[in-house]
């Protein structure tokens, strides 16, 4: 089994999970060209497409890929804004895509119908959980997003987090302001800077590392709560207010 992020647009990743024969599952193909290049150059043969949410930079290449591989299944959330031939899936659904099986989790917050696919030690989480960060709340509430992150945080620590964007360095800059004494975070930020300098992806990350360093998964920690209190002018009344304050802080943050 081979996991590969295909770069798209300025900072998107299209994930491919392939077997030794080149048969593969594609996750969130925002554009078709990177996948078609992999087909021509690497012999990639797409057997299924998984979509996490409706944003164009995650689904925009699907129609063209279906012209190249007609009849392959597309699995997508229950969202009419995804106007494609697809099988709708939701919480608890099981997806069998070629030789790969995935469990579907509903993780609203970034959008109201966002889902994740979990299987084979991998988490394909779109724009909900990022390396050292989380997605903006375009449609959901802080309580929804926090509950979604709690769901993902409950997966095994060895799970590989395959998110939709290369945001690690920008997220690290914010995380280090929030949690400056976190040695594990400092090490991750330094390692990520080296990877990007070498032209390498910082993803996937390991969920256990996210739990130790990602402030959005650490709203119960004293250090994050103190930092958010400094922004709010008072101690967060509960973990939802802590998360909401942290997300609002990040929305206006400039490194």
C-alpha atoms as a PDB file:
ATOM      1  CA  UNK A   1       0.000   0.000   0.000  1.00  0.00           C
ATOM      2  CA  UNK A   2       1.367   3.404  -0.969  1.00  0.00           C
ATOM      3  CA  UNK A   3       0.125   6.768   0.261  1.00  0.00           C
ATOM      4  CA  UNK A   4       0.952   9.808  -1.855  1.00  0.00           C
ATOM      5  CA  UNK A   5      -0.134  13.458  -1.714  1.00  0.00           C
ATOM      6  CA  UNK A   6      -0.485  15.042  -5.147  1.00  0.00           C
ATOM      7  CA  UNK A   7       0.028  18.811  -5.039  1.00  0.00           C
ATOM      8  CA  UNK A   8      -2.785  20.919  -6.509  1.00  0.00           C
ATOM      9  CA  UNK A   9      -3.454  24.650  -6.747  1.00  0.00           C
ATOM     10  CA  UNK A  10      -1.317  26.712  -4.346  1.00  0.00           C
ATOM     11  CA  UNK A  11      -1.445  24.461  -1.304  1.00  0.00           C
ATOM     12  CA  UNK A  12      -4.013  21.651  -1.743  1.00  0.00           C
ATOM     13  CA  UNK A  13      -3.247  17.965  -1.565  1.00  0.00           C
ATOM     14  CA  UNK A  14      -5.113  15.268  -3.471  1.00  0.00           C
ATOM     15  CA  UNK A  15      -4.480  12.018  -1.628  1.00  0.00           C
ATOM     16  CA  UNK A  16      -3.921   8.707  -3.395  1.00  0.00           C
ATOM     17  CA  UNK A  17      -3.796   5.314  -1.728  1.00  0.00           C
ATOM     18  CA  UNK A  18      -2.606   2.645  -4.142  1.00  0.00           C
ATOM     19  CA  UNK A  19      -1.711  -1.039  -4.207  1.00  0.00           C
ATOM     20  CA  UNK A  20       1.300  -2.654  -5.837  1.00  0.00           C
ATOM     21  CA  UNK A  21      -0.530  -2.866  -9.172  1.00  0.00           C
ATOM     22  CA  UNK A  22      -1.232   0.881  -9.203  1.00  0.00           C
ATOM     23  CA  UNK A  23      -4.954   0.614  -8.439  1.00  0.00           C
ATOM     24  CA  UNK A  24      -5.881   3.511  -6.230  1.00  0.00           C
ATOM     25  CA  UNK A  25      -8.424   5.454  -4.250  1.00  0.00           C
ATOM     26  CA  UNK A  26      -8.392   9.232  -4.767  1.00  0.00           C
ATOM     27  CA  UNK A  27      -9.469  11.676  -2.058  1.00  0.00           C
ATOM     28  CA  UNK A  28     -10.688  15.221  -2.793  1.00  0.00           C
ATOM     29  CA  UNK A  29      -9.522  15.798  -6.387  1.00  0.00           C
ATOM     30  CA  UNK A  30      -9.951  19.556  -6.605  1.00  0.00           C
ATOM     31  CA  UNK A  31      -8.429  19.451 -10.076  1.00  0.00           C
ATOM     32  CA  UNK A  32      -7.938  16.559 -12.455  1.00  0.00           C
ATOM     33  CA  UNK A  33      -4.510  17.363 -13.898  1.00  0.00           C
ATOM     34  CA  UNK A  34      -2.340  16.022 -11.022  1.00  0.00           C
ATOM     35  CA  UNK A  35      -4.251  12.734 -11.029  1.00  0.00           C
ATOM     36  CA  UNK A  36      -4.062  12.398 -14.812  1.00  0.00           C
ATOM     37  CA  UNK A  37      -0.306  13.043 -14.674  1.00  0.00           C
ATOM     38  CA  UNK A  38       0.056  10.302 -12.071  1.00  0.00           C
ATOM     39  CA  UNK A  39      -1.926   7.985 -14.340  1.00  0.00           C
ATOM     40  CA  UNK A  40       0.303   8.729 -17.314  1.00  0.00           C
ATOM     41  CA  UNK A  41       3.620   8.794 -15.452  1.00  0.00           C
ATOM     42  CA  UNK A  42       3.087   6.251 -12.672  1.00  0.00           C
ATOM     43  CA  UNK A  43       0.397   3.973 -14.058  1.00  0.00           C
ATOM     44  CA  UNK A  44      -2.212   5.049 -11.516  1.00  0.00           C
ATOM     45  CA  UNK A  45      -5.556   3.339 -12.122  1.00  0.00           C
ATOM     46  CA  UNK A  46      -8.353   5.029 -10.168  1.00  0.00           C
ATOM     47  CA  UNK A  47     -10.956   2.636  -8.743  1.00  0.00           C
ATOM     48  CA  UNK A  48     -12.910   5.035  -6.495  1.00  0.00           C
ATOM     49  CA  UNK A  49     -13.102   8.687  -5.452  1.00  0.00           C
ATOM     50  CA  UNK A  50     -13.809   9.889  -1.909  1.00  0.00           C
ATOM     51  CA  UNK A  51     -15.086  13.440  -1.308  1.00  0.00           C
ATOM     52  CA  UNK A  52     -15.084  15.052   2.144  1.00  0.00           C
ATOM     53  CA  UNK A  53     -17.055  18.259   1.451  1.00  0.00           C
ATOM     54  CA  UNK A  54     -18.488  20.420  -1.298  1.00  0.00           C
ATOM     55  CA  UNK A  55     -15.821  23.104  -1.770  1.00  0.00           C
ATOM     56  CA  UNK A  56     -14.611  23.379  -5.354  1.00  0.00           C
ATOM     57  CA  UNK A  57     -10.954  22.952  -4.467  1.00  0.00           C
ATOM     58  CA  UNK A  58     -11.861  19.476  -3.189  1.00  0.00           C
ATOM     59  CA  UNK A  59     -14.311  18.248  -5.829  1.00  0.00           C
ATOM     60  CA  UNK A  60     -13.627  20.316  -8.958  1.00  0.00           C
ATOM     61  CA  UNK A  61     -11.678  17.672 -10.880  1.00  0.00           C
ATOM     62  CA  UNK A  62     -14.107  14.821 -10.259  1.00  0.00           C
ATOM     63  CA  UNK A  63     -16.192  15.171 -13.422  1.00  0.00           C
ATOM     64  CA  UNK A  64     -13.103  15.073 -15.638  1.00  0.00           C
ATOM     65  CA  UNK A  65     -11.768  12.026 -13.799  1.00  0.00           C
ATOM     66  CA  UNK A  66     -15.082  10.271 -14.365  1.00  0.00           C
ATOM     67  CA  UNK A  67     -14.639  10.831 -18.080  1.00  0.00           C
ATOM     68  CA  UNK A  68     -11.243   9.107 -17.849  1.00  0.00           C
ATOM     69  CA  UNK A  69     -12.543   6.304 -15.596  1.00  0.00           C
ATOM     70  CA  UNK A  70     -16.274   6.040 -16.345  1.00  0.00           C
ATOM     71  CA  UNK A  71     -18.405   4.135 -13.909  1.00  0.00           C
ATOM     72  CA  UNK A  72     -16.090   4.212 -10.898  1.00  0.00           C
ATOM     73  CA  UNK A  73     -17.885   4.897  -7.600  1.00  0.00           C
ATOM     74  CA  UNK A  74     -17.780   8.327  -5.991  1.00  0.00           C
ATOM     75  CA  UNK A  75     -18.588   8.556  -2.276  1.00  0.00           C
ATOM     76  CA  UNK A  76     -19.725  11.926  -0.941  1.00  0.00           C
ATOM     77  CA  UNK A  77     -21.629  13.479   1.963  1.00  0.00           C
ATOM     78  CA  UNK A  78     -25.346  14.191   1.884  1.00  0.00           C
ATOM     79  CA  UNK A  79     -24.983  17.626   0.330  1.00  0.00           C
ATOM     80  CA  UNK A  80     -26.903  18.716  -2.768  1.00  0.00           C
ATOM     81  CA  UNK A  81     -24.143  21.176  -3.591  1.00  0.00           C
ATOM     82  CA  UNK A  82     -22.101  18.205  -4.782  1.00  0.00           C
ATOM     83  CA  UNK A  83     -23.822  17.884  -8.147  1.00  0.00           C
ATOM     84  CA  UNK A  84     -22.144  14.683  -9.307  1.00  0.00           C
ATOM     85  CA  UNK A  85     -23.152  11.054  -9.764  1.00  0.00           C
ATOM     86  CA  UNK A  86     -22.221   9.685  -6.353  1.00  0.00           C
ATOM     87  CA  UNK A  87     -23.186   7.461  -3.477  1.00  0.00           C
ATOM     88  CA  UNK A  88     -24.201   9.484  -0.426  1.00  0.00           C
ATOM     89  CA  UNK A  89     -22.701   8.373   2.871  1.00  0.00           C
ATOM     90  CA  UNK A  90     -22.920   9.559   6.459  1.00  0.00           C
ATOM     91  CA  UNK A  91     -22.090   8.692  10.042  1.00  0.00           C
ATOM     92  CA  UNK A  92     -21.446   4.980  10.448  1.00  0.00           C
ATOM     93  CA  UNK A  93     -21.481   4.178   6.725  1.00  0.00           C
ATOM     94  CA  UNK A  94     -18.961   1.660   5.498  1.00  0.00           C
ATOM     95  CA  UNK A  95     -17.324   2.289   2.145  1.00  0.00           C
ATOM     96  CA  UNK A  96     -15.687  -0.525   0.210  1.00  0.00           C
ATOM     97  CA  UNK A  97     -13.502   1.053  -2.470  1.00  0.00           C
ATOM     98  CA  UNK A  98     -11.544  -1.563  -4.347  1.00  0.00           C
ATOM     99  CA  UNK A  99      -9.476  -3.419  -1.766  1.00  0.00           C
ATOM    100  CA  UNK A 100      -9.906  -0.660   0.796  1.00  0.00           C
ATOM    101  CA  UNK A 101     -12.593  -0.315   3.422  1.00  0.00           C
ATOM    102  CA  UNK A 102     -13.361   2.936   5.222  1.00  0.00           C
ATOM    103  CA  UNK A 103     -15.635   4.032   8.025  1.00  0.00           C
ATOM    104  CA  UNK A 104     -17.373   7.374   7.572  1.00  0.00           C
ATOM    105  CA  UNK A 105     -17.506   9.964  10.359  1.00  0.00           C
ATOM    106  CA  UNK A 106     -19.622  13.100  10.170  1.00  0.00           C
ATOM    107  CA  UNK A 107     -17.475  16.071  11.248  1.00  0.00           C
ATOM    108  CA  UNK A 108     -19.428  19.320  10.672  1.00  0.00           C
ATOM    109  CA  UNK A 109     -17.944  22.710  11.428  1.00  0.00           C
ATOM    110  CA  UNK A 110     -15.950  23.841   8.408  1.00  0.00           C
ATOM    111  CA  UNK A 111     -19.077  23.043   6.394  1.00  0.00           C
ATOM    112  CA  UNK A 112     -22.363  21.666   7.633  1.00  0.00           C
ATOM    113  CA  UNK A 113     -22.021  18.347   5.771  1.00  0.00           C
ATOM    114  CA  UNK A 114     -18.315  17.597   6.118  1.00  0.00           C
ATOM    115  CA  UNK A 115     -17.290  13.945   6.506  1.00  0.00           C
ATOM    116  CA  UNK A 116     -14.077  12.012   7.092  1.00  0.00           C
ATOM    117  CA  UNK A 117     -12.978   8.595   5.870  1.00  0.00           C
ATOM    118  CA  UNK A 118     -11.105   6.381   8.339  1.00  0.00           C
ATOM    119  CA  UNK A 119      -9.365   3.155   7.401  1.00  0.00           C
ATOM    120  CA  UNK A 120      -6.085   1.256   7.218  1.00  0.00           C
ATOM    121  CA  UNK A 121      -4.524   3.561   9.780  1.00  0.00           C
ATOM    122  CA  UNK A 122      -5.332   6.664   7.733  1.00  0.00           C
ATOM    123  CA  UNK A 123      -7.665   9.583   8.411  1.00  0.00           C
ATOM    124  CA  UNK A 124      -8.799  11.578   5.382  1.00  0.00           C
ATOM    125  CA  UNK A 125     -10.282  14.622   7.076  1.00  0.00           C
ATOM    126  CA  UNK A 126     -10.460  17.313   4.384  1.00  0.00           C
ATOM    127  CA  UNK A 127     -10.476  20.760   5.984  1.00  0.00           C
ATOM    128  CA  UNK A 128     -11.549  19.880   9.530  1.00  0.00           C
ATOM    129  CA  UNK A 129      -8.279  18.911  11.220  1.00  0.00           C
ATOM    130  CA  UNK A 130      -5.018  20.299   9.862  1.00  0.00           C
ATOM    131  CA  UNK A 131      -1.439  19.734  10.869  1.00  0.00           C
ATOM    132  CA  UNK A 132      -1.121  22.036  13.918  1.00  0.00           C
ATOM    133  CA  UNK A 133      -4.481  23.636  13.139  1.00  0.00           C
ATOM    134  CA  UNK A 134      -8.121  23.242  12.165  1.00  0.00           C
ATOM    135  CA  UNK A 135     -10.413  24.592   9.486  1.00  0.00           C
ATOM    136  CA  UNK A 136     -12.296  27.876   9.515  1.00  0.00           C
ATOM    137  CA  UNK A 137     -15.926  27.822  10.594  1.00  0.00           C
ATOM    138  CA  UNK A 138     -17.649  28.732   7.343  1.00  0.00           C
ATOM    139  CA  UNK A 139     -20.978  27.078   8.148  1.00  0.00           C
ATOM    140  CA  UNK A 140     -20.796  25.371  11.517  1.00  0.00           C
ATOM    141  CA  UNK A 141     -20.621  26.534  15.122  1.00  0.00           C
ATOM    142  CA  UNK A 142     -17.695  26.349  17.536  1.00  0.00           C
ATOM    143  CA  UNK A 143     -19.519  23.635  19.467  1.00  0.00           C
ATOM    144  CA  UNK A 144     -19.936  21.554  16.315  1.00  0.00           C
ATOM    145  CA  UNK A 145     -16.317  21.935  15.277  1.00  0.00           C
ATOM    146  CA  UNK A 146     -15.023  21.110  18.738  1.00  0.00           C
ATOM    147  CA  UNK A 147     -17.202  17.989  18.844  1.00  0.00           C
ATOM    148  CA  UNK A 148     -15.859  16.993  15.421  1.00  0.00           C
ATOM    149  CA  UNK A 149     -12.265  17.472  16.574  1.00  0.00           C
ATOM    150  CA  UNK A 150     -13.021  15.437  19.703  1.00  0.00           C
ATOM    151  CA  UNK A 151     -14.287  12.648  17.447  1.00  0.00           C
ATOM    152  CA  UNK A 152     -11.071  12.651  15.445  1.00  0.00           C
ATOM    153  CA  UNK A 153      -8.913  12.957  18.574  1.00  0.00           C
ATOM    154  CA  UNK A 154     -10.397   9.689  19.860  1.00  0.00           C
ATOM    155  CA  UNK A 155      -8.811   7.677  17.023  1.00  0.00           C
ATOM    156  CA  UNK A 156      -5.622   5.682  17.716  1.00  0.00           C
ATOM    157  CA  UNK A 157      -2.530   7.802  18.244  1.00  0.00           C
ATOM    158  CA  UNK A 158      -0.734   6.117  15.338  1.00  0.00           C
ATOM    159  CA  UNK A 159      -3.392   7.238  12.849  1.00  0.00           C
ATOM    160  CA  UNK A 160      -1.947   9.192   9.929  1.00  0.00           C
ATOM    161  CA  UNK A 161      -3.717  12.523   9.445  1.00  0.00           C
ATOM    162  CA  UNK A 162      -4.179  13.186   5.717  1.00  0.00           C
ATOM    163  CA  UNK A 163      -5.671  16.657   5.512  1.00  0.00           C
ATOM    164  CA  UNK A 164      -6.447  18.816   2.522  1.00  0.00           C
ATOM    165  CA  UNK A 165      -3.854  21.605   2.668  1.00  0.00           C
ATOM    166  CA  UNK A 166      -0.174  22.270   3.302  1.00  0.00           C
ATOM    167  CA  UNK A 167      -0.680  24.735   6.145  1.00  0.00           C
ATOM    168  CA  UNK A 168       1.804  23.392   8.695  1.00  0.00           C
ATOM    169  CA  UNK A 169       4.246  26.309   8.738  1.00  0.00           C
ATOM    170  CA  UNK A 170       1.539  28.979   9.011  1.00  0.00           C
ATOM    171  CA  UNK A 171      -0.234  26.968  11.693  1.00  0.00           C
ATOM    172  CA  UNK A 172       3.038  26.456  13.565  1.00  0.00           C
ATOM    173  CA  UNK A 173       3.634  30.206  13.695  1.00  0.00           C
ATOM    174  CA  UNK A 174       0.289  30.674  15.459  1.00  0.00           C
ATOM    175  CA  UNK A 175       0.650  27.609  17.694  1.00  0.00           C
ATOM    176  CA  UNK A 176       4.011  28.815  18.994  1.00  0.00           C
ATOM    177  CA  UNK A 177       2.444  32.134  20.027  1.00  0.00           C
ATOM    178  CA  UNK A 178      -0.327  30.287  21.859  1.00  0.00           C
ATOM    179  CA  UNK A 179       1.919  27.674  23.480  1.00  0.00           C
ATOM    180  CA  UNK A 180       5.502  28.988  23.454  1.00  0.00           C
ATOM    181  CA  UNK A 181       6.843  26.619  26.123  1.00  0.00           C
ATOM    182  CA  UNK A 182       5.723  23.456  24.319  1.00  0.00           C
ATOM    183  CA  UNK A 183       9.001  21.695  23.443  1.00  0.00           C
ATOM    184  CA  UNK A 184       7.303  19.093  21.239  1.00  0.00           C
ATOM    185  CA  UNK A 185       5.668  21.887  19.241  1.00  0.00           C
ATOM    186  CA  UNK A 186       8.993  23.652  18.807  1.00  0.00           C
ATOM    187  CA  UNK A 187      10.567  20.444  17.473  1.00  0.00           C
ATOM    188  CA  UNK A 188       7.687  19.899  15.045  1.00  0.00           C
ATOM    189  CA  UNK A 189       7.905  23.458  13.757  1.00  0.00           C
ATOM    190  CA  UNK A 190      11.643  23.125  13.152  1.00  0.00           C
ATOM    191  CA  UNK A 191      11.216  19.782  11.398  1.00  0.00           C
ATOM    192  CA  UNK A 192       8.414  21.160   9.206  1.00  0.00           C
ATOM    193  CA  UNK A 193      10.540  24.130   8.179  1.00  0.00           C
ATOM    194  CA  UNK A 194      13.285  21.748   7.092  1.00  0.00           C
ATOM    195  CA  UNK A 195      10.847  19.630   5.091  1.00  0.00           C
ATOM    196  CA  UNK A 196       9.425  22.613   3.238  1.00  0.00           C
ATOM    197  CA  UNK A 197      12.896  24.014   2.561  1.00  0.00           C
ATOM    198  CA  UNK A 198      13.726  20.662   0.953  1.00  0.00           C
ATOM    199  CA  UNK A 199      10.527  20.765  -1.115  1.00  0.00           C
ATOM    200  CA  UNK A 200       8.887  17.946   0.840  1.00  0.00           C
ATOM    201  CA  UNK A 201       5.347  17.673   2.157  1.00  0.00           C
ATOM    202  CA  UNK A 202       4.913  17.931   5.922  1.00  0.00           C
ATOM    203  CA  UNK A 203       1.989  15.511   5.682  1.00  0.00           C
ATOM    204  CA  UNK A 204       0.696  13.131   6.739  1.00  0.00           C
ATOM    205  CA  UNK A 205       1.157  13.879  10.397  1.00  0.00           C
ATOM    206  CA  UNK A 206       0.689  11.435  13.243  1.00  0.00           C
ATOM    207  CA  UNK A 207      -2.406  11.961  15.379  1.00  0.00           C
ATOM    208  CA  UNK A 208      -0.438  11.448  18.580  1.00  0.00           C
ATOM    209  CA  UNK A 209       1.814  14.334  17.593  1.00  0.00           C
ATOM    210  CA  UNK A 210      -1.230  16.509  16.910  1.00  0.00           C
ATOM    211  CA  UNK A 211      -2.586  15.724  20.371  1.00  0.00           C
ATOM    212  CA  UNK A 212       0.695  16.901  21.892  1.00  0.00           C
ATOM    213  CA  UNK A 213       1.179  20.044  19.806  1.00  0.00           C
ATOM    214  CA  UNK A 214      -1.988  21.232  18.025  1.00  0.00           C
ATOM    215  CA  UNK A 215      -3.631  23.936  20.176  1.00  0.00           C
ATOM    216  CA  UNK A 216      -7.070  23.202  18.750  1.00  0.00           C
ATOM    217  CA  UNK A 217      -6.853  19.682  20.199  1.00  0.00           C
ATOM    218  CA  UNK A 218      -5.541  21.034  23.513  1.00  0.00           C
ATOM    219  CA  UNK A 219      -8.290  23.409  24.672  1.00  0.00           C
ATOM    220  CA  UNK A 220      -8.325  21.586  28.020  1.00  0.00           C
ATOM    221  CA  UNK A 221      -4.641  22.296  28.693  1.00  0.00           C
ATOM    222  CA  UNK A 222      -3.725  25.020  31.169  1.00  0.00           C
ATOM    223  CA  UNK A 223      -1.289  26.668  28.763  1.00  0.00           C
ATOM    224  CA  UNK A 224      -3.856  27.072  25.980  1.00  0.00           C
ATOM    225  CA  UNK A 225      -6.575  28.213  28.374  1.00  0.00           C
ATOM    226  CA  UNK A 226      -4.261  30.883  29.827  1.00  0.00           C
ATOM    227  CA  UNK A 227      -3.356  32.120  26.366  1.00  0.00           C
ATOM    228  CA  UNK A 228      -6.996  32.358  25.303  1.00  0.00           C
ATOM    229  CA  UNK A 229      -7.876  34.098  28.564  1.00  0.00           C
ATOM    230  CA  UNK A 230      -5.373  36.775  27.628  1.00  0.00           C
ATOM    231  CA  UNK A 231      -7.276  37.353  24.399  1.00  0.00           C
ATOM    232  CA  UNK A 232     -10.751  37.244  25.931  1.00  0.00           C
ATOM    233  CA  UNK A 233      -9.923  39.321  29.012  1.00  0.00           C
ATOM    234  CA  UNK A 234     -11.321  36.597  31.257  1.00  0.00           C
ATOM    235  CA  UNK A 235     -10.928  32.874  31.806  1.00  0.00           C
ATOM    236  CA  UNK A 236     -12.946  30.810  29.305  1.00  0.00           C
ATOM    237  CA  UNK A 237     -16.178  29.706  30.921  1.00  0.00           C
ATOM    238  CA  UNK A 238     -15.988  26.287  29.295  1.00  0.00           C
ATOM    239  CA  UNK A 239     -14.066  24.413  26.622  1.00  0.00           C
ATOM    240  CA  UNK A 240     -16.385  25.607  23.826  1.00  0.00           C
ATOM    241  CA  UNK A 241     -15.675  29.237  24.682  1.00  0.00           C
ATOM    242  CA  UNK A 242     -11.961  28.398  24.843  1.00  0.00           C
ATOM    243  CA  UNK A 243     -12.116  26.850  21.387  1.00  0.00           C
ATOM    244  CA  UNK A 244     -14.196  29.721  19.985  1.00  0.00           C
ATOM    245  CA  UNK A 245     -11.744  32.259  21.363  1.00  0.00           C
ATOM    246  CA  UNK A 246      -8.800  30.333  19.939  1.00  0.00           C
ATOM    247  CA  UNK A 247     -10.411  30.063  16.501  1.00  0.00           C
ATOM    248  CA  UNK A 248     -11.301  33.774  16.445  1.00  0.00           C
ATOM    249  CA  UNK A 249      -7.733  34.615  17.454  1.00  0.00           C
ATOM    250  CA  UNK A 250      -6.386  32.489  14.629  1.00  0.00           C
ATOM    251  CA  UNK A 251      -8.767  34.081  12.119  1.00  0.00           C
ATOM    252  CA  UNK A 252      -7.192  37.480  12.755  1.00  0.00           C
ATOM    253  CA  UNK A 253      -3.613  36.274  13.271  1.00  0.00           C
ATOM    254  CA  UNK A 254      -0.786  37.546  11.106  1.00  0.00           C
ATOM    255  CA  UNK A 255       2.678  36.094  11.670  1.00  0.00           C
END
